[in-house]
Amino acid sequence: MTPEDVAPSGYDEEERYFHEKEAEQLKQMREKLDATRKQRATDQAKEIHWMKCPKCGADMSEIELEGIMVDKCVGCEGLFFDRGELELMLVNKKALGPLRKLFS
């Protein structure tokens, strides 16, 4: 083998090809593992906080209020609106008067 037959990294062409393939496979496996770990962490965080009252930490349940599904704490009985729910209630003709005055 002459020096011209050796790739710059010290590998011959065949070895370099397989080395690059293995490196690419390893990179893909790492990316997949990182994505799986990130998703698992997100799922765990959601499970811990899902339908928990931000005020007292008790469980919450969904109730219908003026045709809108809102979250109600079983502990402190606080009402919590998801994005857009309050606006829907305020647009609704049956909306509670005091709420409309507060947010107008």
PDB file of N, CA and C in Angstrom:
ATOM      1  N   MET A   1       0.840  -1.167   0.000  1.00  0.00           N
ATOM      2  CA  MET A   1       0.000   0.000   0.000  1.00  0.00           C
ATOM      3  C   MET A   1       0.891   1.238   0.000  1.00  0.00           C
ATOM      4  N   THR A   2       0.602   2.147  -0.836  1.00  0.00           N
ATOM      5  CA  THR A   2       1.383   3.371  -0.946  1.00  0.00           C
ATOM      6  C   THR A   2       0.726   4.464  -0.110  1.00  0.00           C
ATOM      7  N   PRO A   3       1.434   5.504   0.202  1.00  0.00           N
ATOM      8  CA  PRO A   3       0.844   6.598   0.980  1.00  0.00           C
ATOM      9  C   PRO A   3      -0.360   7.225   0.286  1.00  0.00           C
ATOM     10  N   GLU A   4      -0.428   7.167  -1.029  1.00  0.00           N
ATOM     11  CA  GLU A   4      -1.558   7.738  -1.757  1.00  0.00           C
ATOM     12  C   GLU A   4      -2.824   6.922  -1.542  1.00  0.00           C
ATOM     13  N   ASP A   5      -2.687   5.609  -1.196  1.00  0.00           N
ATOM     14  CA  ASP A   5      -3.842   4.746  -0.993  1.00  0.00           C
ATOM     15  C   ASP A   5      -4.470   4.929   0.393  1.00  0.00           C
ATOM     16  N   VAL A   6      -3.804   5.631   1.270  1.00  0.00           N
ATOM     17  CA  VAL A   6      -4.291   5.809   2.635  1.00  0.00           C
ATOM     18  C   VAL A   6      -5.045   7.127   2.723  1.00  0.00           C
ATOM     19  N   ALA A   7      -6.219   7.080   3.317  1.00  0.00           N
ATOM     20  CA  ALA A   7      -7.033   8.286   3.485  1.00  0.00           C
ATOM     21  C   ALA A   7      -6.347   9.210   4.488  1.00  0.00           C
ATOM     22  N   PRO A   8      -6.637  10.499   4.454  1.00  0.00           N
ATOM     23  CA  PRO A   8      -5.978  11.454   5.342  1.00  0.00           C
ATOM     24  C   PRO A   8      -6.127  11.114   6.826  1.00  0.00           C
ATOM     25  N   SER A   9      -7.191  10.446   7.220  1.00  0.00           N
ATOM     26  CA  SER A   9      -7.396  10.156   8.638  1.00  0.00           C
ATOM     27  C   SER A   9      -6.609   8.937   9.097  1.00  0.00           C
ATOM     28  N   GLY A  10      -5.832   8.345   8.257  1.00  0.00           N
ATOM     29  CA  GLY A  10      -5.056   7.177   8.625  1.00  0.00           C
ATOM     30  C   GLY A  10      -5.740   5.876   8.253  1.00  0.00           C
ATOM     31  N   TYR A  11      -6.924   5.930   7.725  1.00  0.00           N
ATOM     32  CA  TYR A  11      -7.662   4.752   7.302  1.00  0.00           C
ATOM     33  C   TYR A  11      -7.527   4.597   5.796  1.00  0.00           C
ATOM     34  N   ASP A  12      -7.602   3.362   5.323  1.00  0.00           N
ATOM     35  CA  ASP A  12      -7.721   3.231   3.878  1.00  0.00           C
ATOM     36  C   ASP A  12      -9.176   3.536   3.523  1.00  0.00           C
ATOM     37  N   GLU A  13      -9.496   3.602   2.261  1.00  0.00           N
ATOM     38  CA  GLU A  13     -10.832   4.028   1.813  1.00  0.00           C
ATOM     39  C   GLU A  13     -11.945   3.162   2.401  1.00  0.00           C
ATOM     40  N   GLU A  14     -11.767   1.861   2.427  1.00  0.00           N
ATOM     41  CA  GLU A  14     -12.799   0.962   2.941  1.00  0.00           C
ATOM     42  C   GLU A  14     -13.004   1.169   4.446  1.00  0.00           C
ATOM     43  N   GLU A  15     -11.910   1.272   5.181  1.00  0.00           N
ATOM     44  CA  GLU A  15     -12.010   1.489   6.619  1.00  0.00           C
ATOM     45  C   GLU A  15     -12.663   2.832   6.926  1.00  0.00           C
ATOM     46  N   ARG A  16     -12.297   3.839   6.158  1.00  0.00           N
ATOM     47  CA  ARG A  16     -12.882   5.159   6.358  1.00  0.00           C
ATOM     48  C   ARG A  16     -14.383   5.123   6.090  1.00  0.00           C
ATOM     49  N   TYR A  17     -14.797   4.442   5.039  1.00  0.00           N
ATOM     50  CA  TYR A  17     -16.216   4.320   4.702  1.00  0.00           C
ATOM     51  C   TYR A  17     -16.992   3.712   5.881  1.00  0.00           C
ATOM     52  N   PHE A  18     -16.498   2.583   6.403  1.00  0.00           N
ATOM     53  CA  PHE A  18     -17.193   1.919   7.504  1.00  0.00           C
ATOM     54  C   PHE A  18     -17.131   2.749   8.792  1.00  0.00           C
ATOM     55  N   HIS A  19     -16.023   3.420   9.003  1.00  0.00           N
ATOM     56  CA  HIS A  19     -15.907   4.291  10.170  1.00  0.00           C
ATOM     57  C   HIS A  19     -16.943   5.418  10.094  1.00  0.00           C
ATOM     58  N   GLU A  20     -17.091   6.030   8.924  1.00  0.00           N
ATOM     59  CA  GLU A  20     -18.071   7.112   8.753  1.00  0.00           C
ATOM     60  C   GLU A  20     -19.494   6.596   8.910  1.00  0.00           C
ATOM     61  N   LYS A  21     -19.779   5.403   8.391  1.00  0.00           N
ATOM     62  CA  LYS A  21     -21.114   4.800   8.525  1.00  0.00           C
ATOM     63  C   LYS A  21     -21.429   4.546   9.997  1.00  0.00           C
ATOM     64  N   GLU A  22     -20.466   3.989  10.726  1.00  0.00           N
ATOM     65  CA  GLU A  22     -20.670   3.713  12.143  1.00  0.00           C
ATOM     66  C   GLU A  22     -20.860   5.010  12.928  1.00  0.00           C
ATOM     67  N   ALA A  23     -20.086   6.025  12.589  1.00  0.00           N
ATOM     68  CA  ALA A  23     -20.208   7.312  13.261  1.00  0.00           C
ATOM     69  C   ALA A  23     -21.592   7.923  13.008  1.00  0.00           C
ATOM     70  N   GLU A  24     -22.094   7.813  11.801  1.00  0.00           N
ATOM     71  CA  GLU A  24     -23.426   8.335  11.467  1.00  0.00           C
ATOM     72  C   GLU A  24     -24.513   7.556  12.216  1.00  0.00           C
ATOM     73  N   GLN A  25     -24.376   6.232  12.269  1.00  0.00           N
ATOM     74  CA  GLN A  25     -25.349   5.422  13.001  1.00  0.00           C
ATOM     75  C   GLN A  25     -25.336   5.773  14.488  1.00  0.00           C
ATOM     76  N   LEU A  26     -24.163   5.959  15.047  1.00  0.00           N
ATOM     77  CA  LEU A  26     -24.035   6.329  16.444  1.00  0.00           C
ATOM     78  C   LEU A  26     -24.681   7.691  16.707  1.00  0.00           C
ATOM     79  N   LYS A  27     -24.462   8.635  15.804  1.00  0.00           N
ATOM     80  CA  LYS A  27     -25.061   9.959  15.933  1.00  0.00           C
ATOM     81  C   LYS A  27     -26.585   9.869  15.907  1.00  0.00           C
ATOM     82  N   GLN A  28     -27.129   9.063  14.989  1.00  0.00           N
ATOM     83  CA  GLN A  28     -28.575   8.895  14.902  1.00  0.00           C
ATOM     84  C   GLN A  28     -29.133   8.230  16.157  1.00  0.00           C
ATOM     85  N   MET A  29     -28.433   7.247  16.673  1.00  0.00           N
ATOM     86  CA  MET A  29     -28.874   6.568  17.890  1.00  0.00           C
ATOM     87  C   MET A  29     -28.876   7.532  19.076  1.00  0.00           C
ATOM     88  N   ARG A  30     -27.857   8.390  19.160  1.00  0.00           N
ATOM     89  CA  ARG A  30     -27.788   9.385  20.238  1.00  0.00           C
ATOM     90  C   ARG A  30     -28.943  10.373  20.141  1.00  0.00           C
ATOM     91  N   GLU A  31     -29.218  10.833  18.921  1.00  0.00           N
ATOM     92  CA  GLU A  31     -30.310  11.782  18.724  1.00  0.00           C
ATOM     93  C   GLU A  31     -31.648  11.159  19.114  1.00  0.00           C
ATOM     94  N   LYS A  32     -31.840   9.902  18.739  1.00  0.00           N
ATOM     95  CA  LYS A  32     -33.079   9.207  19.074  1.00  0.00           C
ATOM     96  C   LYS A  32     -33.200   9.025  20.588  1.00  0.00           C
ATOM     97  N   LEU A  33     -32.115   8.648  21.236  1.00  0.00           N
ATOM     98  CA  LEU A  33     -32.108   8.479  22.682  1.00  0.00           C
ATOM     99  C   LEU A  33     -32.364   9.803  23.386  1.00  0.00           C
ATOM    100  N   ASP A  34     -31.743  10.878  22.917  1.00  0.00           N
ATOM    101  CA  ASP A  34     -31.960  12.203  23.507  1.00  0.00           C
ATOM    102  C   ASP A  34     -33.421  12.629  23.364  1.00  0.00           C
ATOM    103  N   ALA A  35     -34.006  12.380  22.195  1.00  0.00           N
ATOM    104  CA  ALA A  35     -35.414  12.727  21.970  1.00  0.00           C
ATOM    105  C   ALA A  35     -36.318  11.919  22.894  1.00  0.00           C
ATOM    106  N   THR A  36     -36.011  10.645  23.060  1.00  0.00           N
ATOM    107  CA  THR A  36     -36.802   9.790  23.949  1.00  0.00           C
ATOM    108  C   THR A  36     -36.703  10.281  25.388  1.00  0.00           C
ATOM    109  N   ARG A  37     -35.505  10.623  25.822  1.00  0.00           N
ATOM    110  CA  ARG A  37     -35.316  11.135  27.193  1.00  0.00           C
ATOM    111  C   ARG A  37     -36.070  12.450  27.397  1.00  0.00           C
ATOM    112  N   LYS A  38     -36.008  13.329  26.418  1.00  0.00           N
ATOM    113  CA  LYS A  38     -36.691  14.613  26.526  1.00  0.00           C
ATOM    114  C   LYS A  38     -38.202  14.406  26.607  1.00  0.00           C
ATOM    115  N   GLN A  39     -38.733  13.517  25.773  1.00  0.00           N
ATOM    116  CA  GLN A  39     -40.167  13.236  25.788  1.00  0.00           C
ATOM    117  C   GLN A  39     -40.578  12.618  27.120  1.00  0.00           C
ATOM    118  N   ARG A  40     -39.763  11.716  27.644  1.00  0.00           N
ATOM    119  CA  ARG A  40     -40.057  11.082  28.930  1.00  0.00           C
ATOM    120  C   ARG A  40     -40.088  12.136  30.044  1.00  0.00           C
ATOM    121  N   ALA A  41     -39.143  13.055  30.031  1.00  0.00           N
ATOM    122  CA  ALA A  41     -39.111  14.113  31.046  1.00  0.00           C
ATOM    123  C   ALA A  41     -40.342  15.010  30.941  1.00  0.00           C
ATOM    124  N   THR A  42     -40.741  15.325  29.721  1.00  0.00           N
ATOM    125  CA  THR A  42     -41.936  16.145  29.506  1.00  0.00           C
ATOM    126  C   THR A  42     -43.174  15.421  30.015  1.00  0.00           C
ATOM    127  N   ASP A  43     -43.284  14.140  29.706  1.00  0.00           N
ATOM    128  CA  ASP A  43     -44.430  13.351  30.152  1.00  0.00           C
ATOM    129  C   ASP A  43     -44.489  13.256  31.674  1.00  0.00           C
ATOM    130  N   GLN A  44     -43.337  13.074  32.302  1.00  0.00           N
ATOM    131  CA  GLN A  44     -43.301  12.985  33.769  1.00  0.00           C
ATOM    132  C   GLN A  44     -43.708  14.308  34.408  1.00  0.00           C
ATOM    133  N   ALA A  45     -43.227  15.411  33.860  1.00  0.00           N
ATOM    134  CA  ALA A  45     -43.591  16.726  34.402  1.00  0.00           C
ATOM    135  C   ALA A  45     -45.086  16.973  34.246  1.00  0.00           C
ATOM    136  N   LYS A  46     -45.627  16.579  33.107  1.00  0.00           N
ATOM    137  CA  LYS A  46     -47.063  16.761  32.877  1.00  0.00           C
ATOM    138  C   LYS A  46     -47.866  15.906  33.848  1.00  0.00           C
ATOM    139  N   GLU A  47     -47.423  14.676  34.067  1.00  0.00           N
ATOM    140  CA  GLU A  47     -48.134  13.775  34.969  1.00  0.00           C
ATOM    141  C   GLU A  47     -48.168  14.328  36.392  1.00  0.00           C
ATOM    142  N   ILE A  48     -47.071  14.922  36.810  1.00  0.00           N
ATOM    143  CA  ILE A  48     -46.994  15.484  38.164  1.00  0.00           C
ATOM    144  C   ILE A  48     -47.961  16.660  38.322  1.00  0.00           C
ATOM    145  N   HIS A  49     -48.077  17.502  37.297  1.00  0.00           N
ATOM    146  CA  HIS A  49     -48.849  18.734  37.403  1.00  0.00           C
ATOM    147  C   HIS A  49     -50.223  18.682  36.744  1.00  0.00           C
ATOM    148  N   TRP A  50     -50.524  17.639  36.005  1.00  0.00           N
ATOM    149  CA  TRP A  50     -51.763  17.586  35.229  1.00  0.00           C
ATOM    150  C   TRP A  50     -52.975  17.598  36.148  1.00  0.00           C
ATOM    151  N   MET A  51     -53.864  18.524  35.915  1.00  0.00           N
ATOM    152  CA  MET A  51     -55.111  18.683  36.651  1.00  0.00           C
ATOM    153  C   MET A  51     -54.868  18.824  38.150  1.00  0.00           C
ATOM    154  N   LYS A  52     -53.841  19.593  38.498  1.00  0.00           N
ATOM    155  CA  LYS A  52     -53.551  19.940  39.888  1.00  0.00           C
ATOM    156  C   LYS A  52     -53.772  21.438  40.043  1.00  0.00           C
ATOM    157  N   CYS A  53     -54.356  21.817  41.135  1.00  0.00           N
ATOM    158  CA  CYS A  53     -54.650  23.217  41.400  1.00  0.00           C
ATOM    159  C   CYS A  53     -53.349  24.006  41.570  1.00  0.00           C
ATOM    160  N   PRO A  54     -53.201  25.124  40.857  1.00  0.00           N
ATOM    161  CA  PRO A  54     -51.984  25.923  41.014  1.00  0.00           C
ATOM    162  C   PRO A  54     -51.935  26.663  42.355  1.00  0.00           C
ATOM    163  N   LYS A  55     -53.066  26.749  43.031  1.00  0.00           N
ATOM    164  CA  LYS A  55     -53.110  27.460  44.311  1.00  0.00           C
ATOM    165  C   LYS A  55     -52.809  26.526  45.481  1.00  0.00           C
ATOM    166  N   CYS A  56     -53.527  25.392  45.560  1.00  0.00           N
ATOM    167  CA  CYS A  56     -53.383  24.530  46.732  1.00  0.00           C
ATOM    168  C   CYS A  56     -52.808  23.145  46.415  1.00  0.00           C
ATOM    169  N   GLY A  57     -52.712  22.792  45.139  1.00  0.00           N
ATOM    170  CA  GLY A  57     -52.123  21.512  44.747  1.00  0.00           C
ATOM    171  C   GLY A  57     -53.083  20.339  44.740  1.00  0.00           C
ATOM    172  N   ALA A  58     -54.344  20.558  45.104  1.00  0.00           N
ATOM    173  CA  ALA A  58     -55.328  19.474  45.108  1.00  0.00           C
ATOM    174  C   ALA A  58     -55.712  19.107  43.675  1.00  0.00           C
ATOM    175  N   ASP A  59     -56.403  17.989  43.531  1.00  0.00           N
ATOM    176  CA  ASP A  59     -56.877  17.566  42.210  1.00  0.00           C
ATOM    177  C   ASP A  59     -57.962  18.522  41.719  1.00  0.00           C
ATOM    178  N   MET A  60     -58.086  18.590  40.412  1.00  0.00           N
ATOM    179  CA  MET A  60     -59.120  19.421  39.811  1.00  0.00           C
ATOM    180  C   MET A  60     -59.992  18.546  38.934  1.00  0.00           C
ATOM    181  N   SER A  61     -61.216  18.992  38.733  1.00  0.00           N
ATOM    182  CA  SER A  61     -62.126  18.286  37.836  1.00  0.00           C
ATOM    183  C   SER A  61     -62.715  19.299  36.864  1.00  0.00           C
ATOM    184  N   GLU A  62     -63.173  18.804  35.736  1.00  0.00           N
ATOM    185  CA  GLU A  62     -63.802  19.691  34.758  1.00  0.00           C
ATOM    186  C   GLU A  62     -65.290  19.775  35.050  1.00  0.00           C
ATOM    187  N   ILE A  63     -65.802  20.991  35.018  1.00  0.00           N
ATOM    188  CA  ILE A  63     -67.237  21.197  35.178  1.00  0.00           C
ATOM    189  C   ILE A  63     -67.716  22.078  34.034  1.00  0.00           C
ATOM    190  N   GLU A  64     -69.004  22.028  33.765  1.00  0.00           N
ATOM    191  CA  GLU A  64     -69.576  22.894  32.738  1.00  0.00           C
ATOM    192  C   GLU A  64     -70.113  24.141  33.409  1.00  0.00           C
ATOM    193  N   LEU A  65     -69.695  25.284  32.909  1.00  0.00           N
ATOM    194  CA  LEU A  65     -70.134  26.562  33.446  1.00  0.00           C
ATOM    195  C   LEU A  65     -70.562  27.426  32.273  1.00  0.00           C
ATOM    196  N   GLU A  66     -71.859  27.660  32.179  1.00  0.00           N
ATOM    197  CA  GLU A  66     -72.414  28.464  31.083  1.00  0.00           C
ATOM    198  C   GLU A  66     -71.999  27.912  29.716  1.00  0.00           C
ATOM    199  N   GLY A  67     -71.975  26.605  29.589  1.00  0.00           N
ATOM    200  CA  GLY A  67     -71.660  25.969  28.314  1.00  0.00           C
ATOM    201  C   GLY A  67     -70.169  25.842  28.033  1.00  0.00           C
ATOM    202  N   ILE A  68     -69.334  26.256  28.960  1.00  0.00           N
ATOM    203  CA  ILE A  68     -67.882  26.195  28.808  1.00  0.00           C
ATOM    204  C   ILE A  68     -67.348  25.210  29.838  1.00  0.00           C
ATOM    205  N   MET A  69     -66.424  24.342  29.436  1.00  0.00           N
ATOM    206  CA  MET A  69     -65.792  23.410  30.364  1.00  0.00           C
ATOM    207  C   MET A  69     -64.630  24.121  31.040  1.00  0.00           C
ATOM    208  N   VAL A  70     -64.719  24.277  32.359  1.00  0.00           N
ATOM    209  CA  VAL A  70     -63.661  24.918  33.130  1.00  0.00           C
ATOM    210  C   VAL A  70     -63.169  23.938  34.185  1.00  0.00           C
ATOM    211  N   ASP A  71     -61.993  24.222  34.744  1.00  0.00           N
ATOM    212  CA  ASP A  71     -61.407  23.356  35.764  1.00  0.00           C
ATOM    213  C   ASP A  71     -61.744  23.911  37.144  1.00  0.00           C
ATOM    214  N   LYS A  72     -62.225  23.016  38.025  1.00  0.00           N
ATOM    215  CA  LYS A  72     -62.581  23.415  39.386  1.00  0.00           C
ATOM    216  C   LYS A  72     -61.790  22.574  40.373  1.00  0.00           C
ATOM    217  N   CYS A  73     -61.179  23.226  41.339  1.00  0.00           N
ATOM    218  CA  CYS A  73     -60.398  22.544  42.361  1.00  0.00           C
ATOM    219  C   CYS A  73     -61.339  21.907  43.372  1.00  0.00           C
ATOM    220  N   VAL A  74     -61.082  20.644  43.699  1.00  0.00           N
ATOM    221  CA  VAL A  74     -61.907  19.967  44.700  1.00  0.00           C
ATOM    222  C   VAL A  74     -61.490  20.377  46.103  1.00  0.00           C
ATOM    223  N   GLY A  75     -60.345  21.011  46.262  1.00  0.00           N
ATOM    224  CA  GLY A  75     -59.870  21.454  47.571  1.00  0.00           C
ATOM    225  C   GLY A  75     -60.352  22.857  47.905  1.00  0.00           C
ATOM    226  N   CYS A  76     -59.854  23.848  47.201  1.00  0.00           N
ATOM    227  CA  CYS A  76     -60.178  25.247  47.504  1.00  0.00           C
ATOM    228  C   CYS A  76     -61.365  25.768  46.695  1.00  0.00           C
ATOM    229  N   GLU A  77     -61.863  24.946  45.773  1.00  0.00           N
ATOM    230  CA  GLU A  77     -63.004  25.270  44.910  1.00  0.00           C
ATOM    231  C   GLU A  77     -62.741  26.442  43.975  1.00  0.00           C
ATOM    232  N   GLY A  78     -61.485  26.717  43.695  1.00  0.00           N
ATOM    233  CA  GLY A  78     -61.147  27.757  42.734  1.00  0.00           C
ATOM    234  C   GLY A  78     -61.510  27.325  41.320  1.00  0.00           C
ATOM    235  N   LEU A  79     -61.845  28.282  40.479  1.00  0.00           N
ATOM    236  CA  LEU A  79     -62.148  28.018  39.072  1.00  0.00           C
ATOM    237  C   LEU A  79     -60.979  28.496  38.229  1.00  0.00           C
ATOM    238  N   PHE A  80     -60.585  27.664  37.270  1.00  0.00           N
ATOM    239  CA  PHE A  80     -59.447  27.985  36.422  1.00  0.00           C
ATOM    240  C   PHE A  80     -59.840  27.787  34.969  1.00  0.00           C
ATOM    241  N   PHE A  81     -59.488  28.768  34.155  1.00  0.00           N
ATOM    242  CA  PHE A  81     -59.822  28.756  32.743  1.00  0.00           C
ATOM    243  C   PHE A  81     -58.601  28.403  31.916  1.00  0.00           C
ATOM    244  N   ASP A  82     -58.776  27.515  30.956  1.00  0.00           N
ATOM    245  CA  ASP A  82     -57.733  27.254  29.977  1.00  0.00           C
ATOM    246  C   ASP A  82     -57.771  28.390  28.958  1.00  0.00           C
ATOM    247  N   ARG A  83     -56.739  28.440  28.131  1.00  0.00           N
ATOM    248  CA  ARG A  83     -56.644  29.494  27.126  1.00  0.00           C
ATOM    249  C   ARG A  83     -57.924  29.540  26.273  1.00  0.00           C
ATOM    250  N   GLY A  84     -58.499  30.709  26.176  1.00  0.00           N
ATOM    251  CA  GLY A  84     -59.662  30.923  25.328  1.00  0.00           C
ATOM    252  C   GLY A  84     -61.000  30.689  26.016  1.00  0.00           C
ATOM    253  N   GLU A  85     -61.012  30.002  27.148  1.00  0.00           N
ATOM    254  CA  GLU A  85     -62.285  29.700  27.803  1.00  0.00           C
ATOM    255  C   GLU A  85     -62.938  30.945  28.394  1.00  0.00           C
ATOM    256  N   LEU A  86     -62.163  31.794  29.011  1.00  0.00           N
ATOM    257  CA  LEU A  86     -62.714  33.018  29.571  1.00  0.00           C
ATOM    258  C   LEU A  86     -63.299  33.905  28.464  1.00  0.00           C
ATOM    259  N   GLU A  87     -62.584  34.021  27.357  1.00  0.00           N
ATOM    260  CA  GLU A  87     -63.084  34.816  26.235  1.00  0.00           C
ATOM    261  C   GLU A  87     -64.397  34.256  25.709  1.00  0.00           C
ATOM    262  N   LEU A  88     -64.498  32.916  25.629  1.00  0.00           N
ATOM    263  CA  LEU A  88     -65.747  32.296  25.190  1.00  0.00           C
ATOM    264  C   LEU A  88     -66.884  32.636  26.149  1.00  0.00           C
ATOM    265  N   MET A  89     -66.587  32.604  27.433  1.00  0.00           N
ATOM    266  CA  MET A  89     -67.613  32.908  28.423  1.00  0.00           C
ATOM    267  C   MET A  89     -68.056  34.362  28.316  1.00  0.00           C
ATOM    268  N   LEU A  90     -67.110  35.264  28.109  1.00  0.00           N
ATOM    269  CA  LEU A  90     -67.452  36.686  28.028  1.00  0.00           C
ATOM    270  C   LEU A  90     -68.251  37.020  26.774  1.00  0.00           C
ATOM    271  N   VAL A  91     -68.033  36.271  25.704  1.00  0.00           N
ATOM    272  CA  VAL A  91     -68.783  36.482  24.469  1.00  0.00           C
ATOM    273  C   VAL A  91     -70.189  35.916  24.601  1.00  0.00           C
ATOM    274  N   ASN A  92     -70.316  34.866  25.399  1.00  0.00           N
ATOM    275  CA  ASN A  92     -71.593  34.196  25.601  1.00  0.00           C
ATOM    276  C   ASN A  92     -72.587  35.174  26.240  1.00  0.00           C
ATOM    277  N   LYS A  93     -73.792  35.254  25.687  1.00  0.00           N
ATOM    278  CA  LYS A  93     -74.824  36.166  26.198  1.00  0.00           C
ATOM    279  C   LYS A  93     -75.224  35.821  27.631  1.00  0.00           C
ATOM    280  N   LYS A  94     -75.096  34.546  28.020  1.00  0.00           N
ATOM    281  CA  LYS A  94     -75.480  34.116  29.362  1.00  0.00           C
ATOM    282  C   LYS A  94     -74.372  34.345  30.380  1.00  0.00           C
ATOM    283  N   ALA A  95     -73.238  34.894  29.945  1.00  0.00           N
ATOM    284  CA  ALA A  95     -72.082  35.053  30.840  1.00  0.00           C
ATOM    285  C   ALA A  95     -72.467  35.844  32.081  1.00  0.00           C
ATOM    286  N   LEU A  96     -71.802  35.510  33.142  1.00  0.00           N
ATOM    287  CA  LEU A  96     -72.098  36.177  34.413  1.00  0.00           C
ATOM    288  C   LEU A  96     -71.742  37.653  34.317  1.00  0.00           C
ATOM    289  N   GLY A  97     -72.659  38.511  34.756  1.00  0.00           N
ATOM    290  CA  GLY A  97     -72.468  39.957  34.696  1.00  0.00           C
ATOM    291  C   GLY A  97     -71.202  40.443  35.365  1.00  0.00           C
ATOM    292  N   PRO A  98     -70.923  40.019  36.598  1.00  0.00           N
ATOM    293  CA  PRO A  98     -69.706  40.504  37.268  1.00  0.00           C
ATOM    294  C   PRO A  98     -68.421  40.143  36.515  1.00  0.00           C
ATOM    295  N   LEU A  99     -68.378  38.970  35.919  1.00  0.00           N
ATOM    296  CA  LEU A  99     -67.180  38.589  35.145  1.00  0.00           C
ATOM    297  C   LEU A  99     -67.018  39.516  33.950  1.00  0.00           C
ATOM    298  N   ARG A 100     -68.094  39.816  33.284  1.00  0.00           N
ATOM    299  CA  ARG A 100     -68.022  40.688  32.111  1.00  0.00           C
ATOM    300  C   ARG A 100     -67.508  42.078  32.505  1.00  0.00           C
ATOM    301  N   LYS A 101     -67.959  42.579  33.647  1.00  0.00           N
ATOM    302  CA  LYS A 101     -67.531  43.899  34.096  1.00  0.00           C
ATOM    303  C   LYS A 101     -66.054  43.905  34.480  1.00  0.00           C
ATOM    304  N   LEU A 102     -65.584  42.800  35.083  1.00  0.00           N
ATOM    305  CA  LEU A 102     -64.192  42.722  35.493  1.00  0.00           C
ATOM    306  C   LEU A 102     -63.226  42.768  34.320  1.00  0.00           C
ATOM    307  N   PHE A 103     -63.599  42.118  33.212  1.00  0.00           N
ATOM    308  CA  PHE A 103     -62.654  41.943  32.102  1.00  0.00           C
ATOM    309  C   PHE A 103     -62.988  42.772  30.877  1.00  0.00           C
ATOM    310  N   SER A 104     -63.889  43.745  30.981  1.00  0.00           N
ATOM    311  CA  SER A 104     -64.218  44.579  29.840  1.00  0.00           C
ATOM    312  C   SER A 104     -63.325  45.791  29.778  1.00  0.00           C
TER     313      SER A 104
END
